[in-house]
C-alpha atoms as a PDB file:
ATOM      1  CA  MET A   1      86.865  85.141 -71.277  1.00  0.00           C
ATOM      2  CA  GLN A   2      88.314  82.170 -69.416  1.00  0.00           C
ATOM      3  CA  VAL A   3      87.021  81.275 -65.928  1.00  0.00           C
ATOM      4  CA  LYS A   4      89.562  79.898 -63.520  1.00  0.00           C
ATOM      5  CA  GLN A   5      88.532  76.954 -61.585  1.00  0.00           C
ATOM      6  CA  LYS A   6      89.294  76.884 -57.848  1.00  0.00           C
ATOM      7  CA  SER A   7      90.414  73.580 -56.457  1.00  0.00           C
ATOM      8  CA  ILE A   8      88.614  72.710 -53.243  1.00  0.00           C
ATOM      9  CA  ARG A   9      90.708  71.005 -50.582  1.00  0.00           C
ATOM     10  CA  ALA A  10      89.181  68.994 -47.744  1.00  0.00           C
ATOM     11  CA  PRO A  11      89.993  70.465 -44.349  1.00  0.00           C
ATOM     12  CA  PRO A  12      92.777  68.766 -42.481  1.00  0.00           C
ATOM     13  CA  PRO A  13      91.711  66.448 -39.678  1.00  0.00           C
ATOM     14  CA  ALA A  14      91.260  68.035 -36.197  1.00  0.00           C
ATOM     15  CA  ASN A  15      94.357  66.264 -34.829  1.00  0.00           C
ATOM     16  CA  LEU A  16      96.669  66.466 -37.827  1.00  0.00           C
ATOM     17  CA  SER A  17      99.847  65.167 -36.009  1.00  0.00           C
ATOM     18  CA  HIS A  18      97.990  62.123 -34.742  1.00  0.00           C
ATOM     19  CA  HIS A  19      96.749  61.463 -38.339  1.00  0.00           C
ATOM     20  CA  ILE A  20     100.275  61.750 -39.865  1.00  0.00           C
ATOM     21  CA  LYS A  21     101.683  59.415 -37.113  1.00  0.00           C
ATOM     22  CA  GLN A  22      99.051  56.809 -37.943  1.00  0.00           C
ATOM     23  CA  LYS A  23      99.883  57.023 -41.643  1.00  0.00           C
ATOM     24  CA  CYS A  24     103.543  56.585 -40.918  1.00  0.00           C
ATOM     25  CA  LYS A  25     102.840  53.512 -38.687  1.00  0.00           C
ATOM     26  CA  GLN A  26     100.729  52.056 -41.533  1.00  0.00           C
ATOM     27  CA  LYS A  27     103.625  52.497 -44.107  1.00  0.00           C
ATOM     28  CA  GLN A  28     106.178  51.066 -41.632  1.00  0.00           C
ATOM     29  CA  LYS A  29     104.034  47.912 -41.096  1.00  0.00           C
ATOM     30  CA  ILE A  30     103.695  47.524 -44.845  1.00  0.00           C
ATOM     31  CA  ASN A  31     107.405  48.007 -45.460  1.00  0.00           C
ATOM     32  CA  LEU A  32     108.210  45.426 -42.661  1.00  0.00           C
ATOM     33  CA  VAL A  33     105.891  42.859 -44.109  1.00  0.00           C
ATOM     34  CA  ILE A  34     107.509  43.340 -47.531  1.00  0.00           C
ATOM     35  CA  PHE A  35     110.908  43.048 -45.954  1.00  0.00           C
ATOM     36  CA  LYS A  36     110.085  39.838 -44.056  1.00  0.00           C
ATOM     37  CA  ASN A  37     108.361  38.300 -47.163  1.00  0.00           C
ATOM     38  CA  LYS A  38     111.208  39.050 -49.506  1.00  0.00           C
ATOM     39  CA  LYS A  39     112.956  35.790 -50.147  1.00  0.00           C
ATOM     40  CA  MET A  40     116.591  36.432 -50.400  1.00  0.00           C
ATOM     41  CA  GLU A  41     118.471  33.613 -51.965  1.00  0.00           C
ATOM     42  CA  ASN A  42     122.164  32.739 -51.217  1.00  0.00           C
ATOM     43  CA  LYS A  43     123.186  31.715 -54.774  1.00  0.00           C
ATOM     44  CA  SER A  44     126.648  30.477 -53.856  1.00  0.00           C
ATOM     45  CA  LYS A  45     125.668  28.827 -50.633  1.00  0.00           C
ATOM     46  CA  LYS A  46     128.811  30.322 -49.021  1.00  0.00           C
ATOM     47  CA  THR A  47     128.731  32.425 -45.942  1.00  0.00           C
ATOM     48  CA  VAL A  48     131.153  34.830 -44.215  1.00  0.00           C
ATOM     49  CA  ASN A  49     131.921  34.633 -40.443  1.00  0.00           C
ATOM     50  CA  LEU A  50     130.664  38.209 -39.818  1.00  0.00           C
ATOM     51  CA  ASP A  51     128.460  39.655 -37.023  1.00  0.00           C
ATOM     52  CA  LEU A  52     126.856  43.020 -38.249  1.00  0.00           C
ATOM     53  CA  VAL A  53     125.999  44.002 -34.795  1.00  0.00           C
ATOM     54  CA  GLY A  54     128.189  46.925 -33.751  1.00  0.00           C
ATOM     55  CA  ILE A  55     129.116  47.892 -37.379  1.00  0.00           C
ATOM     56  CA  ASP A  56     128.217  51.463 -38.449  1.00  0.00           C
ATOM     57  CA  GLY A  57     124.841  51.358 -40.194  1.00  0.00           C
ATOM     58  CA  ASN A  58     126.060  53.260 -43.317  1.00  0.00           C
ATOM     59  CA  ALA A  59     125.585  51.178 -46.388  1.00  0.00           C
ATOM     60  CA  TYR A  60     129.159  51.636 -47.534  1.00  0.00           C
ATOM     61  CA  SER A  61     130.423  50.540 -44.070  1.00  0.00           C
ATOM     62  CA  ILE A  62     128.392  47.469 -44.182  1.00  0.00           C
ATOM     63  CA  MET A  63     129.542  46.575 -47.710  1.00  0.00           C
ATOM     64  CA  GLY A  64     133.188  47.307 -46.837  1.00  0.00           C
ATOM     65  CA  ALA A  65     133.011  45.095 -43.800  1.00  0.00           C
ATOM     66  CA  PHE A  66     131.563  42.349 -45.810  1.00  0.00           C
ATOM     67  CA  SER A  67     134.189  42.717 -48.553  1.00  0.00           C
ATOM     68  CA  ARG A  68     137.145  42.658 -46.137  1.00  0.00           C
ATOM     69  CA  GLN A  69     135.910  39.630 -44.310  1.00  0.00           C
ATOM     70  CA  ALA A  70     135.137  37.726 -47.509  1.00  0.00           C
ATOM     71  CA  ARG A  71     138.582  38.453 -48.779  1.00  0.00           C
ATOM     72  CA  ARG A  72     140.125  37.185 -45.540  1.00  0.00           C
ATOM     73  CA  GLU A  73     138.103  33.957 -45.976  1.00  0.00           C
ATOM     74  CA  GLY A  74     139.308  33.381 -49.456  1.00  0.00           C
ATOM     75  CA  TRP A  75     136.421  34.499 -51.577  1.00  0.00           C
ATOM     76  CA  SER A  76     137.285  35.569 -55.205  1.00  0.00           C
ATOM     77  CA  GLN A  77     136.694  39.203 -56.188  1.00  0.00           C
ATOM     78  CA  GLU A  78     134.101  37.971 -58.643  1.00  0.00           C
ATOM     79  CA  GLU A  79     132.058  36.287 -55.944  1.00  0.00           C
ATOM     80  CA  ILE A  80     132.237  39.468 -53.634  1.00  0.00           C
ATOM     81  CA  ASP A  81     131.271  41.662 -56.566  1.00  0.00           C
ATOM     82  CA  LEU A  82     128.170  39.495 -57.340  1.00  0.00           C
ATOM     83  CA  VAL A  83     126.994  39.767 -53.706  1.00  0.00           C
ATOM     84  CA  LEU A  84     127.517  43.518 -53.667  1.00  0.00           C
ATOM     85  CA  GLU A  85     125.869  44.042 -57.014  1.00  0.00           C
ATOM     86  CA  GLU A  86     122.837  42.187 -55.783  1.00  0.00           C
ATOM     87  CA  ALA A  87     122.813  44.129 -52.531  1.00  0.00           C
ATOM     88  CA  GLN A  88     122.926  47.401 -54.419  1.00  0.00           C
ATOM     89  CA  SER A  89     120.181  46.536 -56.733  1.00  0.00           C
ATOM     90  CA  GLY A  90     117.510  47.690 -54.225  1.00  0.00           C
ATOM     91  CA  ASP A  91     116.868  49.982 -51.386  1.00  0.00           C
ATOM     92  CA  TYR A  92     118.706  49.973 -47.975  1.00  0.00           C
ATOM     93  CA  ASN A  93     116.503  47.258 -46.626  1.00  0.00           C
ATOM     94  CA  HIS A  94     117.360  45.017 -49.584  1.00  0.00           C
ATOM     95  CA  LEU A  95     121.071  45.656 -49.138  1.00  0.00           C
ATOM     96  CA  LEU A  96     120.792  44.677 -45.442  1.00  0.00           C
ATOM     97  CA  ALA A  97     118.807  41.497 -46.243  1.00  0.00           C
ATOM     98  CA  THR A  98     121.261  40.493 -48.935  1.00  0.00           C
ATOM     99  CA  ILE A  99     124.409  41.007 -46.790  1.00  0.00           C
ATOM    100  CA  MET A 100     122.738  39.344 -43.825  1.00  0.00           C
ATOM    101  CA  ASN A 101     121.881  36.338 -46.009  1.00  0.00           C
ATOM    102  CA  TYR A 102     125.648  35.897 -46.726  1.00  0.00           C
ATOM    103  CA  CYS A 103     126.725  36.347 -43.058  1.00  0.00           C
ATOM    104  CA  GLU A 104     126.730  33.643 -40.489  1.00  0.00           C
ATOM    105  CA  PRO A 105     128.668  34.626 -37.436  1.00  0.00           C
ATOM    106  CA  ILE A 106     130.332  31.783 -35.445  1.00  0.00           C
ATOM    107  CA  TYR A 107     130.510  32.368 -31.828  1.00  0.00           C
ATOM    108  CA  GLU A 108     132.932  30.761 -29.480  1.00  0.00           C
ATOM    109  CA  ASP A 109     130.043  29.156 -27.432  1.00  0.00           C
ATOM    110  CA  ASP A 110     128.878  27.472 -30.609  1.00  0.00           C
ATOM    111  CA  GLU A 111     132.334  25.921 -31.269  1.00  0.00           C
ATOM    112  CA  ASN A 112     132.533  24.550 -27.693  1.00  0.00           C
ATOM    113  CA  GLN A 113     129.278  22.813 -27.791  1.00  0.00           C
ATOM    114  CA  GLU A 114     130.127  20.784 -30.925  1.00  0.00           C
END
């Protein structure tokens, strides 16, 4: 005759929603530190005149905007594909960091000062 063992769970904290919010904040801080410490390298040393502010946050929209601008500026399809391949090799934060590393918007104010 087999005896079933019961698993004993610890009771939830008194204020469960507060506990969950604290855990989420801790995770967000860890992810932010990882994102900031991740050294993205611009291998080609080329940049695209693209400001990502105002572009839809969807990953495909970001990659499409980058591809179109890079083609306008004379990048080869191979160069564009290398950047997009690197961007897609990680999570969403990696994609943003990679694309941002290859974007350097030039504003009219910057041109007038030179």
